[in-house]
C-alpha cells in the first residue's frame, strides 16, 4: 500500500512468535511537520495583534467621537441616499448591460457597432467627468424635444426642471455601470456551451424562450460573481455624487467635517465602517445566490459558513482526542 502524500509512516517493530501482529496493529500515521507554516502563522498573528492594538489605543482615532457620529441622523440620511442611488443605478445599469450585450451579439452590424462604441466610450471616460458633464447638461441644452429630425417637434420639456441632483446621479452611474455590465453579461452568455444552443434549436424552441429558460440561467453562474464585483464598485462609486451636490454618505461626512474640523478622522472612520458593512452584506447575498445557481452544476452544494464552522470544530475535537490518546 502506498503512503498518503504529505505524511510519514512509523515503521513497525518486527513481529514476534508470541505476538505476530501486535507491532503491525500499533502502526500509526504521523503527520508531516511543517515548521515554516507555523512560523508564518505566528508572524501574521503578531502583526494583526499590533494593528488592532494600535487601532484601539491610538487617541488620534477618537473612538468616542466615532460612536457619537455613527448613528447621527445626518449620517443615516446620507446612508439612505447612498442606498437609493445604488439600487436604482444597479437595476438600470444591469438592464442596460443586458440590452447592450444582446446588441453586441446581434447579427446586425449597426447594433454591434453602436454597442461597441458605447462600451468603448463609457469605459474610457472617468465617472467623475460623466457626472459633472450631466450636471451641467442644461447649459448645453436648455430644452429637450422629441420629434422628427430636422422637422417638427411632438413635445418638448425644460431639462433643468427634470434633472434633479438625484436624477443626474442615477443617470450618470447607470450609464457608466451599463458599459461594464454589458461585458459581464456578454462574457456570461459566451461561457454557455454551444451544445446548449444547438440542443435548444433542435427542439424548435423560439429564440426568446431559448434565451430566457436555457441560456441565461446557465450564464448567471458566470455573471453573478463578476457583476457583484461591479456592484461593490458601484457602492463605492456613489461617493462621487457629492460633486454634483447630492449629499450621500460620503458627502454628509464631508459636510460635517467642514463644520467640525476636529472630527475629520472619526467621520472618515464612520464612512469606512458603513461601506464595510454594505459590501459585507452584498458579499453574503452573493454567496447564497451563487449557491442557489450551483444546483445541478456540482455534485454537492458549497457548505455555508455555519456548516464550515461546525466541520472545523468537529475536526478540531477529533484531532484533540487523537493527540490525547497518544
C-alpha atoms as a PDB file:
ATOM      1  CA  UNK A   1       0.000   0.000   0.000  1.00  0.00           C
ATOM      2  CA  UNK A   2       1.431   3.413  -0.965  1.00  0.00           C
ATOM      3  CA  UNK A   3       1.815   6.080   1.675  1.00  0.00           C
ATOM      4  CA  UNK A   4      -0.533   9.076   1.571  1.00  0.00           C
ATOM      5  CA  UNK A   5       1.153  12.199   0.289  1.00  0.00           C
ATOM      6  CA  UNK A   6       2.471  14.634   2.839  1.00  0.00           C
ATOM      7  CA  UNK A   7       2.785  12.059   5.649  1.00  0.00           C
ATOM      8  CA  UNK A   8       5.449   9.804   7.156  1.00  0.00           C
ATOM      9  CA  UNK A   9       4.763   6.325   8.444  1.00  0.00           C
ATOM     10  CA  UNK A  10       6.381   4.948  11.559  1.00  0.00           C
ATOM     11  CA  UNK A  11       7.960   1.574  10.805  1.00  0.00           C
ATOM     12  CA  UNK A  12       6.516  -1.232  12.896  1.00  0.00           C
ATOM     13  CA  UNK A  13       8.575  -3.459  15.116  1.00  0.00           C
ATOM     14  CA  UNK A  14       9.433  -6.874  13.850  1.00  0.00           C
ATOM     15  CA  UNK A  15       6.692  -9.359  14.720  1.00  0.00           C
ATOM     16  CA  UNK A  16       7.487 -11.952  17.383  1.00  0.00           C
ATOM     17  CA  UNK A  17       6.416 -15.563  17.722  1.00  0.00           C
ATOM     18  CA  UNK A  18       4.102 -14.782  20.649  1.00  0.00           C
ATOM     19  CA  UNK A  19       2.535 -11.689  19.133  1.00  0.00           C
ATOM     20  CA  UNK A  20       2.990 -11.747  15.342  1.00  0.00           C
ATOM     21  CA  UNK A  21       0.504  -8.935  14.601  1.00  0.00           C
ATOM     22  CA  UNK A  22       0.916  -6.722  17.652  1.00  0.00           C
ATOM     23  CA  UNK A  23       3.540  -4.496  16.066  1.00  0.00           C
ATOM     24  CA  UNK A  24       1.550  -4.189  12.835  1.00  0.00           C
ATOM     25  CA  UNK A  25      -1.616  -3.046  14.616  1.00  0.00           C
ATOM     26  CA  UNK A  26       0.404  -0.444  16.533  1.00  0.00           C
ATOM     27  CA  UNK A  27       1.427   1.191  13.288  1.00  0.00           C
ATOM     28  CA  UNK A  28       0.408   4.868  13.220  1.00  0.00           C
ATOM     29  CA  UNK A  29       0.487   7.544  10.541  1.00  0.00           C
ATOM     30  CA  UNK A  30       2.431  10.582  11.692  1.00  0.00           C
ATOM     31  CA  UNK A  31       1.627  13.959  10.086  1.00  0.00           C
ATOM     32  CA  UNK A  32       4.448  15.712   8.320  1.00  0.00           C
ATOM     33  CA  UNK A  33       5.829  18.574  10.399  1.00  0.00           C
ATOM     34  CA  UNK A  34       5.700  21.965   8.705  1.00  0.00           C
ATOM     35  CA  UNK A  35       7.633  24.488  10.827  1.00  0.00           C
ATOM     36  CA  UNK A  36       7.524  27.147   8.090  1.00  0.00           C
ATOM     37  CA  UNK A  37       3.739  27.221   8.205  1.00  0.00           C
ATOM     38  CA  UNK A  38       3.693  27.673  11.976  1.00  0.00           C
ATOM     39  CA  UNK A  39       6.323  30.441  11.825  1.00  0.00           C
ATOM     40  CA  UNK A  40       4.379  32.305   9.129  1.00  0.00           C
ATOM     41  CA  UNK A  41       1.156  31.927  11.139  1.00  0.00           C
ATOM     42  CA  UNK A  42       2.834  33.300  14.267  1.00  0.00           C
ATOM     43  CA  UNK A  43       4.266  36.295  12.370  1.00  0.00           C
ATOM     44  CA  UNK A  44       0.875  37.117  10.846  1.00  0.00           C
ATOM     45  CA  UNK A  45      -0.869  36.857  14.231  1.00  0.00           C
ATOM     46  CA  UNK A  46       1.688  39.188  15.801  1.00  0.00           C
ATOM     47  CA  UNK A  47       1.227  41.750  13.021  1.00  0.00           C
ATOM     48  CA  UNK A  48      -2.559  41.547  13.293  1.00  0.00           C
ATOM     49  CA  UNK A  49      -2.384  41.955  17.077  1.00  0.00           C
ATOM     50  CA  UNK A  50      -0.140  45.008  16.703  1.00  0.00           C
ATOM     51  CA  UNK A  51      -2.503  46.542  14.143  1.00  0.00           C
ATOM     52  CA  UNK A  52      -5.568  46.002  16.349  1.00  0.00           C
ATOM     53  CA  UNK A  53      -3.728  47.330  19.407  1.00  0.00           C
ATOM     54  CA  UNK A  54      -2.684  50.472  17.543  1.00  0.00           C
ATOM     55  CA  UNK A  55      -6.197  50.919  16.173  1.00  0.00           C
ATOM     56  CA  UNK A  56      -7.740  50.709  19.640  1.00  0.00           C
ATOM     57  CA  UNK A  57      -5.138  52.515  21.736  1.00  0.00           C
ATOM     58  CA  UNK A  58      -4.203  55.405  19.400  1.00  0.00           C
ATOM     59  CA  UNK A  59      -6.037  58.523  20.652  1.00  0.00           C
ATOM     60  CA  UNK A  60      -5.783  60.074  17.178  1.00  0.00           C
ATOM     61  CA  UNK A  61      -8.756  57.954  16.023  1.00  0.00           C
ATOM     62  CA  UNK A  62     -11.077  59.438  18.692  1.00  0.00           C
ATOM     63  CA  UNK A  63     -13.339  56.411  19.008  1.00  0.00           C
ATOM     64  CA  UNK A  64     -15.630  58.276  21.390  1.00  0.00           C
ATOM     65  CA  UNK A  65     -16.403  60.778  18.629  1.00  0.00           C
ATOM     66  CA  UNK A  66     -16.788  57.900  16.191  1.00  0.00           C
ATOM     67  CA  UNK A  67     -19.515  56.469  18.433  1.00  0.00           C
ATOM     68  CA  UNK A  68     -21.161  59.868  18.584  1.00  0.00           C
ATOM     69  CA  UNK A  69     -21.322  60.277  14.786  1.00  0.00           C
ATOM     70  CA  UNK A  70     -22.012  56.692  13.730  1.00  0.00           C
ATOM     71  CA  UNK A  71     -25.810  56.826  14.102  1.00  0.00           C
ATOM     72  CA  UNK A  72     -26.375  60.553  13.817  1.00  0.00           C
ATOM     73  CA  UNK A  73     -29.419  61.480  11.645  1.00  0.00           C
ATOM     74  CA  UNK A  74     -27.278  63.362   9.121  1.00  0.00           C
ATOM     75  CA  UNK A  75     -25.123  60.276   8.567  1.00  0.00           C
ATOM     76  CA  UNK A  76     -28.138  57.967   8.317  1.00  0.00           C
ATOM     77  CA  UNK A  77     -29.818  60.319   5.828  1.00  0.00           C
ATOM     78  CA  UNK A  78     -26.679  60.197   3.687  1.00  0.00           C
ATOM     79  CA  UNK A  79     -26.613  56.407   4.009  1.00  0.00           C
ATOM     80  CA  UNK A  80     -30.217  56.226   2.789  1.00  0.00           C
ATOM     81  CA  UNK A  81     -29.350  58.321  -0.267  1.00  0.00           C
ATOM     82  CA  UNK A  82     -26.376  56.049  -0.969  1.00  0.00           C
ATOM     83  CA  UNK A  83     -28.632  53.006  -0.853  1.00  0.00           C
ATOM     84  CA  UNK A  84     -31.223  54.628  -3.128  1.00  0.00           C
ATOM     85  CA  UNK A  85     -28.653  55.703  -5.713  1.00  0.00           C
ATOM     86  CA  UNK A  86     -27.012  52.275  -5.622  1.00  0.00           C
ATOM     87  CA  UNK A  87     -30.303  50.395  -6.004  1.00  0.00           C
ATOM     88  CA  UNK A  88     -31.597  52.493  -8.903  1.00  0.00           C
ATOM     89  CA  UNK A  89     -28.245  52.517 -10.697  1.00  0.00           C
ATOM     90  CA  UNK A  90     -27.695  48.781 -10.226  1.00  0.00           C
ATOM     91  CA  UNK A  91     -31.081  47.867 -11.712  1.00  0.00           C
ATOM     92  CA  UNK A  92     -30.900  50.331 -14.598  1.00  0.00           C
ATOM     93  CA  UNK A  93     -27.258  49.514 -15.254  1.00  0.00           C
ATOM     94  CA  UNK A  94     -27.948  45.776 -15.394  1.00  0.00           C
ATOM     95  CA  UNK A  95     -30.913  46.252 -17.727  1.00  0.00           C
ATOM     96  CA  UNK A  96     -28.821  48.485 -19.962  1.00  0.00           C
ATOM     97  CA  UNK A  97     -25.964  45.993 -19.836  1.00  0.00           C
ATOM     98  CA  UNK A  98     -28.217  43.139 -20.971  1.00  0.00           C
ATOM     99  CA  UNK A  99     -29.529  45.232 -23.869  1.00  0.00           C
ATOM    100  CA  UNK A 100     -26.015  46.263 -24.902  1.00  0.00           C
ATOM    101  CA  UNK A 101     -24.739  42.677 -24.624  1.00  0.00           C
ATOM    102  CA  UNK A 102     -27.549  41.352 -26.822  1.00  0.00           C
ATOM    103  CA  UNK A 103     -26.873  44.145 -29.322  1.00  0.00           C
ATOM    104  CA  UNK A 104     -23.187  43.241 -29.299  1.00  0.00           C
ATOM    105  CA  UNK A 105     -24.067  39.611 -30.061  1.00  0.00           C
ATOM    106  CA  UNK A 106     -26.622  40.568 -32.710  1.00  0.00           C
ATOM    107  CA  UNK A 107     -26.152  39.820 -36.385  1.00  0.00           C
ATOM    108  CA  UNK A 108     -26.938  43.446 -37.225  1.00  0.00           C
ATOM    109  CA  UNK A 109     -23.688  45.340 -37.930  1.00  0.00           C
ATOM    110  CA  UNK A 110     -25.346  48.612 -36.890  1.00  0.00           C
ATOM    111  CA  UNK A 111     -26.348  47.264 -33.452  1.00  0.00           C
ATOM    112  CA  UNK A 112     -22.922  45.720 -32.947  1.00  0.00           C
ATOM    113  CA  UNK A 113     -21.166  48.959 -33.911  1.00  0.00           C
ATOM    114  CA  UNK A 114     -23.337  51.141 -31.679  1.00  0.00           C
ATOM    115  CA  UNK A 115     -22.986  48.779 -28.713  1.00  0.00           C
ATOM    116  CA  UNK A 116     -19.204  48.517 -29.115  1.00  0.00           C
ATOM    117  CA  UNK A 117     -18.866  52.300 -29.432  1.00  0.00           C
ATOM    118  CA  UNK A 118     -20.954  52.907 -26.308  1.00  0.00           C
ATOM    119  CA  UNK A 119     -18.949  50.430 -24.235  1.00  0.00           C
ATOM    120  CA  UNK A 120     -15.664  51.818 -25.557  1.00  0.00           C
ATOM    121  CA  UNK A 121     -16.625  55.424 -24.810  1.00  0.00           C
ATOM    122  CA  UNK A 122     -18.118  54.954 -21.346  1.00  0.00           C
ATOM    123  CA  UNK A 123     -15.264  52.730 -20.188  1.00  0.00           C
ATOM    124  CA  UNK A 124     -12.773  55.341 -21.375  1.00  0.00           C
ATOM    125  CA  UNK A 125     -14.344  58.423 -19.757  1.00  0.00           C
ATOM    126  CA  UNK A 126     -13.850  58.782 -15.969  1.00  0.00           C
ATOM    127  CA  UNK A 127     -17.053  58.593 -13.955  1.00  0.00           C
ATOM    128  CA  UNK A 128     -16.498  61.983 -12.348  1.00  0.00           C
ATOM    129  CA  UNK A 129     -16.325  63.567 -15.829  1.00  0.00           C
ATOM    130  CA  UNK A 130     -19.633  61.927 -16.800  1.00  0.00           C
ATOM    131  CA  UNK A 131     -21.328  63.188 -13.626  1.00  0.00           C
ATOM    132  CA  UNK A 132     -20.057  66.751 -13.982  1.00  0.00           C
ATOM    133  CA  UNK A 133     -20.986  66.805 -17.674  1.00  0.00           C
ATOM    134  CA  UNK A 134     -24.537  65.677 -16.893  1.00  0.00           C
ATOM    135  CA  UNK A 135     -24.767  68.146 -14.018  1.00  0.00           C
ATOM    136  CA  UNK A 136     -24.034  70.972 -16.464  1.00  0.00           C
ATOM    137  CA  UNK A 137     -26.085  69.459 -19.286  1.00  0.00           C
ATOM    138  CA  UNK A 138     -28.728  72.171 -19.031  1.00  0.00           C
ATOM    139  CA  UNK A 139     -26.123  74.764 -20.034  1.00  0.00           C
ATOM    140  CA  UNK A 140     -25.724  72.974 -23.375  1.00  0.00           C
ATOM    141  CA  UNK A 141     -29.357  72.010 -23.960  1.00  0.00           C
ATOM    142  CA  UNK A 142     -31.878  74.145 -22.100  1.00  0.00           C
ATOM    143  CA  UNK A 143     -34.813  72.236 -23.612  1.00  0.00           C
ATOM    144  CA  UNK A 144     -35.132  68.699 -24.914  1.00  0.00           C
ATOM    145  CA  UNK A 145     -37.662  67.739 -27.561  1.00  0.00           C
ATOM    146  CA  UNK A 146     -38.937  64.616 -29.268  1.00  0.00           C
ATOM    147  CA  UNK A 147     -39.958  64.738 -32.908  1.00  0.00           C
ATOM    148  CA  UNK A 148     -38.835  64.196 -36.478  1.00  0.00           C
ATOM    149  CA  UNK A 149     -35.171  65.027 -37.187  1.00  0.00           C
ATOM    150  CA  UNK A 150     -34.944  68.382 -38.987  1.00  0.00           C
ATOM    151  CA  UNK A 151     -38.736  68.518 -38.748  1.00  0.00           C
ATOM    152  CA  UNK A 152     -41.490  69.444 -36.290  1.00  0.00           C
ATOM    153  CA  UNK A 153     -41.286  68.564 -32.581  1.00  0.00           C
ATOM    154  CA  UNK A 154     -44.024  66.499 -30.975  1.00  0.00           C
ATOM    155  CA  UNK A 155     -43.334  67.806 -27.479  1.00  0.00           C
ATOM    156  CA  UNK A 156     -40.513  69.434 -25.516  1.00  0.00           C
ATOM    157  CA  UNK A 157     -39.640  69.975 -21.864  1.00  0.00           C
ATOM    158  CA  UNK A 158     -37.276  72.013 -19.729  1.00  0.00           C
ATOM    159  CA  UNK A 159     -34.291  69.838 -18.906  1.00  0.00           C
ATOM    160  CA  UNK A 160     -33.281  71.831 -15.808  1.00  0.00           C
ATOM    161  CA  UNK A 161     -36.625  71.129 -14.098  1.00  0.00           C
ATOM    162  CA  UNK A 162     -36.405  67.364 -14.552  1.00  0.00           C
ATOM    163  CA  UNK A 163     -32.688  66.879 -13.942  1.00  0.00           C
ATOM    164  CA  UNK A 164     -32.604  66.994 -10.145  1.00  0.00           C
ATOM    165  CA  UNK A 165     -29.455  66.053  -8.263  1.00  0.00           C
ATOM    166  CA  UNK A 166     -30.781  62.546  -7.660  1.00  0.00           C
ATOM    167  CA  UNK A 167     -31.726  62.078 -11.321  1.00  0.00           C
ATOM    168  CA  UNK A 168     -28.316  63.299 -12.507  1.00  0.00           C
ATOM    169  CA  UNK A 169     -26.518  60.945 -10.109  1.00  0.00           C
ATOM    170  CA  UNK A 170     -28.610  57.910 -11.049  1.00  0.00           C
ATOM    171  CA  UNK A 171     -28.351  58.552 -14.802  1.00  0.00           C
ATOM    172  CA  UNK A 172     -24.604  59.102 -14.639  1.00  0.00           C
ATOM    173  CA  UNK A 173     -23.927  55.989 -12.579  1.00  0.00           C
ATOM    174  CA  UNK A 174     -26.342  53.910 -14.669  1.00  0.00           C
ATOM    175  CA  UNK A 175     -24.722  54.920 -17.945  1.00  0.00           C
ATOM    176  CA  UNK A 176     -21.298  54.063 -16.583  1.00  0.00           C
ATOM    177  CA  UNK A 177     -22.485  50.816 -14.997  1.00  0.00           C
ATOM    178  CA  UNK A 178     -24.231  49.639 -18.170  1.00  0.00           C
ATOM    179  CA  UNK A 179     -20.958  49.717 -20.121  1.00  0.00           C
ATOM    180  CA  UNK A 180     -19.234  47.375 -17.661  1.00  0.00           C
ATOM    181  CA  UNK A 181     -22.309  45.215 -17.103  1.00  0.00           C
ATOM    182  CA  UNK A 182     -22.564  44.686 -20.862  1.00  0.00           C
ATOM    183  CA  UNK A 183     -19.176  42.977 -20.948  1.00  0.00           C
ATOM    184  CA  UNK A 184     -20.007  40.915 -17.870  1.00  0.00           C
ATOM    185  CA  UNK A 185     -23.282  39.717 -19.401  1.00  0.00           C
ATOM    186  CA  UNK A 186     -21.697  39.097 -22.797  1.00  0.00           C
ATOM    187  CA  UNK A 187     -18.930  37.031 -21.207  1.00  0.00           C
ATOM    188  CA  UNK A 188     -21.505  35.001 -19.263  1.00  0.00           C
ATOM    189  CA  UNK A 189     -23.546  34.270 -22.392  1.00  0.00           C
ATOM    190  CA  UNK A 190     -20.459  33.236 -24.323  1.00  0.00           C
ATOM    191  CA  UNK A 191     -19.475  30.889 -21.476  1.00  0.00           C
ATOM    192  CA  UNK A 192     -22.568  28.718 -22.085  1.00  0.00           C
ATOM    193  CA  UNK A 193     -21.625  25.604 -24.016  1.00  0.00           C
ATOM    194  CA  UNK A 194     -22.506  25.803 -27.704  1.00  0.00           C
ATOM    195  CA  UNK A 195     -24.189  22.422 -27.428  1.00  0.00           C
ATOM    196  CA  UNK A 196     -26.909  24.012 -25.291  1.00  0.00           C
ATOM    197  CA  UNK A 197     -27.772  26.403 -28.125  1.00  0.00           C
ATOM    198  CA  UNK A 198     -27.766  23.585 -30.663  1.00  0.00           C
ATOM    199  CA  UNK A 199     -29.948  21.334 -28.481  1.00  0.00           C
ATOM    200  CA  UNK A 200     -32.471  24.123 -27.936  1.00  0.00           C
ATOM    201  CA  UNK A 201     -32.544  24.902 -31.649  1.00  0.00           C
ATOM    202  CA  UNK A 202     -33.003  21.197 -32.464  1.00  0.00           C
ATOM    203  CA  UNK A 203     -36.106  21.159 -30.258  1.00  0.00           C
ATOM    204  CA  UNK A 204     -37.548  24.013 -32.278  1.00  0.00           C
ATOM    205  CA  UNK A 205     -37.769  26.379 -29.313  1.00  0.00           C
ATOM    206  CA  UNK A 206     -38.240  30.093 -30.073  1.00  0.00           C
ATOM    207  CA  UNK A 207     -35.162  32.287 -29.709  1.00  0.00           C
ATOM    208  CA  UNK A 208     -36.651  34.285 -26.848  1.00  0.00           C
ATOM    209  CA  UNK A 209     -37.585  31.150 -24.938  1.00  0.00           C
ATOM    210  CA  UNK A 210     -34.112  29.686 -25.515  1.00  0.00           C
ATOM    211  CA  UNK A 211     -32.506  32.771 -24.012  1.00  0.00           C
ATOM    212  CA  UNK A 212     -34.861  33.134 -21.024  1.00  0.00           C
ATOM    213  CA  UNK A 213     -35.087  29.491 -19.939  1.00  0.00           C
ATOM    214  CA  UNK A 214     -31.905  27.802 -21.158  1.00  0.00           C
ATOM    215  CA  UNK A 215     -29.056  30.186 -21.965  1.00  0.00           C
ATOM    216  CA  UNK A 216     -29.459  32.997 -19.428  1.00  0.00           C
ATOM    217  CA  UNK A 217     -29.959  30.786 -16.311  1.00  0.00           C
ATOM    218  CA  UNK A 218     -26.732  28.960 -17.144  1.00  0.00           C
ATOM    219  CA  UNK A 219     -24.939  32.219 -17.901  1.00  0.00           C
ATOM    220  CA  UNK A 220     -25.898  33.558 -14.466  1.00  0.00           C
ATOM    221  CA  UNK A 221     -23.361  31.216 -12.839  1.00  0.00           C
ATOM    222  CA  UNK A 222     -20.651  33.210 -14.570  1.00  0.00           C
ATOM    223  CA  UNK A 223     -22.369  36.593 -14.479  1.00  0.00           C
ATOM    224  CA  UNK A 224     -23.144  36.781 -10.753  1.00  0.00           C
ATOM    225  CA  UNK A 225     -19.571  36.788  -9.303  1.00  0.00           C
ATOM    226  CA  UNK A 226     -18.370  39.335 -11.842  1.00  0.00           C
ATOM    227  CA  UNK A 227     -21.397  41.578 -11.566  1.00  0.00           C
ATOM    228  CA  UNK A 228     -21.230  41.563  -7.767  1.00  0.00           C
ATOM    229  CA  UNK A 229     -17.711  42.961  -8.109  1.00  0.00           C
ATOM    230  CA  UNK A 230     -19.229  45.685 -10.254  1.00  0.00           C
ATOM    231  CA  UNK A 231     -21.952  46.242  -7.666  1.00  0.00           C
ATOM    232  CA  UNK A 232     -19.390  46.662  -4.893  1.00  0.00           C
ATOM    233  CA  UNK A 233     -17.538  49.138  -7.087  1.00  0.00           C
ATOM    234  CA  UNK A 234     -20.848  50.940  -7.656  1.00  0.00           C
ATOM    235  CA  UNK A 235     -21.431  51.251  -3.904  1.00  0.00           C
ATOM    236  CA  UNK A 236     -18.058  52.919  -3.515  1.00  0.00           C
ATOM    237  CA  UNK A 237     -18.574  54.931  -6.703  1.00  0.00           C
ATOM    238  CA  UNK A 238     -21.606  56.644  -5.180  1.00  0.00           C
ATOM    239  CA  UNK A 239     -19.155  58.723  -3.127  1.00  0.00           C
ATOM    240  CA  UNK A 240     -18.581  60.782  -6.300  1.00  0.00           C
ATOM    241  CA  UNK A 241     -22.166  62.088  -6.374  1.00  0.00           C
ATOM    242  CA  UNK A 242     -21.046  64.545  -3.697  1.00  0.00           C
ATOM    243  CA  UNK A 243     -19.527  66.536  -6.567  1.00  0.00           C
ATOM    244  CA  UNK A 244     -22.973  67.017  -8.142  1.00  0.00           C
ATOM    245  CA  UNK A 245     -24.393  68.462  -4.899  1.00  0.00           C
ATOM    246  CA  UNK A 246     -26.014  65.231  -3.669  1.00  0.00           C
ATOM    247  CA  UNK A 247     -25.265  64.600  -0.003  1.00  0.00           C
ATOM    248  CA  UNK A 248     -24.781  60.847   0.165  1.00  0.00           C
ATOM    249  CA  UNK A 249     -22.928  59.055   2.961  1.00  0.00           C
ATOM    250  CA  UNK A 250     -19.546  60.451   1.979  1.00  0.00           C
ATOM    251  CA  UNK A 251     -20.992  63.886   1.214  1.00  0.00           C
ATOM    252  CA  UNK A 252     -22.654  64.089   4.624  1.00  0.00           C
ATOM    253  CA  UNK A 253     -19.396  63.178   6.347  1.00  0.00           C
ATOM    254  CA  UNK A 254     -17.525  65.771   4.278  1.00  0.00           C
ATOM    255  CA  UNK A 255     -20.046  68.458   5.208  1.00  0.00           C
ATOM    256  CA  UNK A 256     -19.839  67.625   8.890  1.00  0.00           C
ATOM    257  CA  UNK A 257     -16.057  67.547   8.635  1.00  0.00           C
ATOM    258  CA  UNK A 258     -16.084  71.109   7.304  1.00  0.00           C
ATOM    259  CA  UNK A 259     -18.269  72.212  10.212  1.00  0.00           C
ATOM    260  CA  UNK A 260     -16.318  70.211  12.824  1.00  0.00           C
ATOM    261  CA  UNK A 261     -12.703  70.068  11.559  1.00  0.00           C
ATOM    262  CA  UNK A 262     -11.543  68.321  14.713  1.00  0.00           C
ATOM    263  CA  UNK A 263     -13.748  65.315  13.878  1.00  0.00           C
ATOM    264  CA  UNK A 264     -12.494  64.655  10.341  1.00  0.00           C
ATOM    265  CA  UNK A 265     -10.756  61.386  11.235  1.00  0.00           C
ATOM    266  CA  UNK A 266     -13.670  59.846  13.200  1.00  0.00           C
ATOM    267  CA  UNK A 267     -16.061  60.914  10.428  1.00  0.00           C
ATOM    268  CA  UNK A 268     -13.889  59.175   7.829  1.00  0.00           C
ATOM    269  CA  UNK A 269     -13.868  56.087  10.048  1.00  0.00           C
ATOM    270  CA  UNK A 270     -17.668  56.246  10.234  1.00  0.00           C
ATOM    271  CA  UNK A 271     -17.844  56.263   6.425  1.00  0.00           C
ATOM    272  CA  UNK A 272     -15.312  53.419   6.234  1.00  0.00           C
ATOM    273  CA  UNK A 273     -17.255  51.208   8.638  1.00  0.00           C
ATOM    274  CA  UNK A 274     -20.555  51.817   6.845  1.00  0.00           C
ATOM    275  CA  UNK A 275     -19.019  50.954   3.469  1.00  0.00           C
ATOM    276  CA  UNK A 276     -17.544  47.790   5.011  1.00  0.00           C
ATOM    277  CA  UNK A 277     -20.990  46.832   6.304  1.00  0.00           C
ATOM    278  CA  UNK A 278     -22.647  47.436   2.919  1.00  0.00           C
ATOM    279  CA  UNK A 279     -20.069  45.454   0.950  1.00  0.00           C
ATOM    280  CA  UNK A 280     -20.188  42.628   3.522  1.00  0.00           C
ATOM    281  CA  UNK A 281     -23.965  42.354   3.169  1.00  0.00           C
ATOM    282  CA  UNK A 282     -23.612  42.227  -0.625  1.00  0.00           C
ATOM    283  CA  UNK A 283     -20.934  39.529  -0.328  1.00  0.00           C
ATOM    284  CA  UNK A 284     -23.180  37.381   1.879  1.00  0.00           C
ATOM    285  CA  UNK A 285     -26.057  37.723  -0.572  1.00  0.00           C
ATOM    286  CA  UNK A 286     -23.668  36.840  -3.406  1.00  0.00           C
ATOM    287  CA  UNK A 287     -22.659  33.613  -1.652  1.00  0.00           C
ATOM    288  CA  UNK A 288     -26.225  32.350  -1.279  1.00  0.00           C
ATOM    289  CA  UNK A 289     -27.223  33.407  -4.813  1.00  0.00           C
ATOM    290  CA  UNK A 290     -24.202  31.572  -6.231  1.00  0.00           C
ATOM    291  CA  UNK A 291     -25.057  28.570  -4.073  1.00  0.00           C
ATOM    292  CA  UNK A 292     -28.608  28.584  -5.465  1.00  0.00           C
ATOM    293  CA  UNK A 293     -27.449  28.615  -9.085  1.00  0.00           C
ATOM    294  CA  UNK A 294     -24.797  25.967  -8.390  1.00  0.00           C
ATOM    295  CA  UNK A 295     -27.521  23.324  -8.134  1.00  0.00           C
ATOM    296  CA  UNK A 296     -27.156  20.844 -10.935  1.00  0.00           C
ATOM    297  CA  UNK A 297     -23.676  22.105 -11.850  1.00  0.00           C
ATOM    298  CA  UNK A 298     -21.796  20.493  -8.939  1.00  0.00           C
ATOM    299  CA  UNK A 299     -22.122  17.176  -7.149  1.00  0.00           C
ATOM    300  CA  UNK A 300     -22.673  18.901  -3.830  1.00  0.00           C
ATOM    301  CA  UNK A 301     -23.637  22.423  -2.826  1.00  0.00           C
ATOM    302  CA  UNK A 302     -20.841  24.548  -1.298  1.00  0.00           C
ATOM    303  CA  UNK A 303     -21.039  24.482   2.515  1.00  0.00           C
ATOM    304  CA  UNK A 304     -22.374  27.565   4.242  1.00  0.00           C
ATOM    305  CA  UNK A 305     -20.147  29.445   6.736  1.00  0.00           C
ATOM    306  CA  UNK A 306     -22.060  27.856   9.627  1.00  0.00           C
ATOM    307  CA  UNK A 307     -21.503  24.391   8.153  1.00  0.00           C
ATOM    308  CA  UNK A 308     -17.801  25.158   7.699  1.00  0.00           C
ATOM    309  CA  UNK A 309     -17.597  26.263  11.336  1.00  0.00           C
ATOM    310  CA  UNK A 310     -19.264  23.068  12.559  1.00  0.00           C
ATOM    311  CA  UNK A 311     -16.968  20.926  10.408  1.00  0.00           C
ATOM    312  CA  UNK A 312     -13.903  22.789  11.685  1.00  0.00           C
ATOM    313  CA  UNK A 313     -14.933  22.345  15.310  1.00  0.00           C
ATOM    314  CA  UNK A 314     -15.627  18.648  14.748  1.00  0.00           C
ATOM    315  CA  UNK A 315     -12.220  18.140  13.125  1.00  0.00           C
ATOM    316  CA  UNK A 316     -10.538  20.055  15.951  1.00  0.00           C
ATOM    317  CA  UNK A 317     -12.202  17.903  18.629  1.00  0.00           C
ATOM    318  CA  UNK A 318     -11.253  14.732  16.737  1.00  0.00           C
ATOM    319  CA  UNK A 319      -7.647  15.897  16.474  1.00  0.00           C
ATOM    320  CA  UNK A 320      -7.505  16.712  20.195  1.00  0.00           C
ATOM    321  CA  UNK A 321      -8.861  13.250  21.057  1.00  0.00           C
ATOM    322  CA  UNK A 322      -6.262  11.592  18.824  1.00  0.00           C
ATOM    323  CA  UNK A 323      -3.443  13.575  20.403  1.00  0.00           C
ATOM    324  CA  UNK A 324      -4.745  12.744  23.890  1.00  0.00           C
ATOM    325  CA  UNK A 325      -4.951   9.043  23.035  1.00  0.00           C
ATOM    326  CA  UNK A 326      -1.276   9.034  22.006  1.00  0.00           C
END
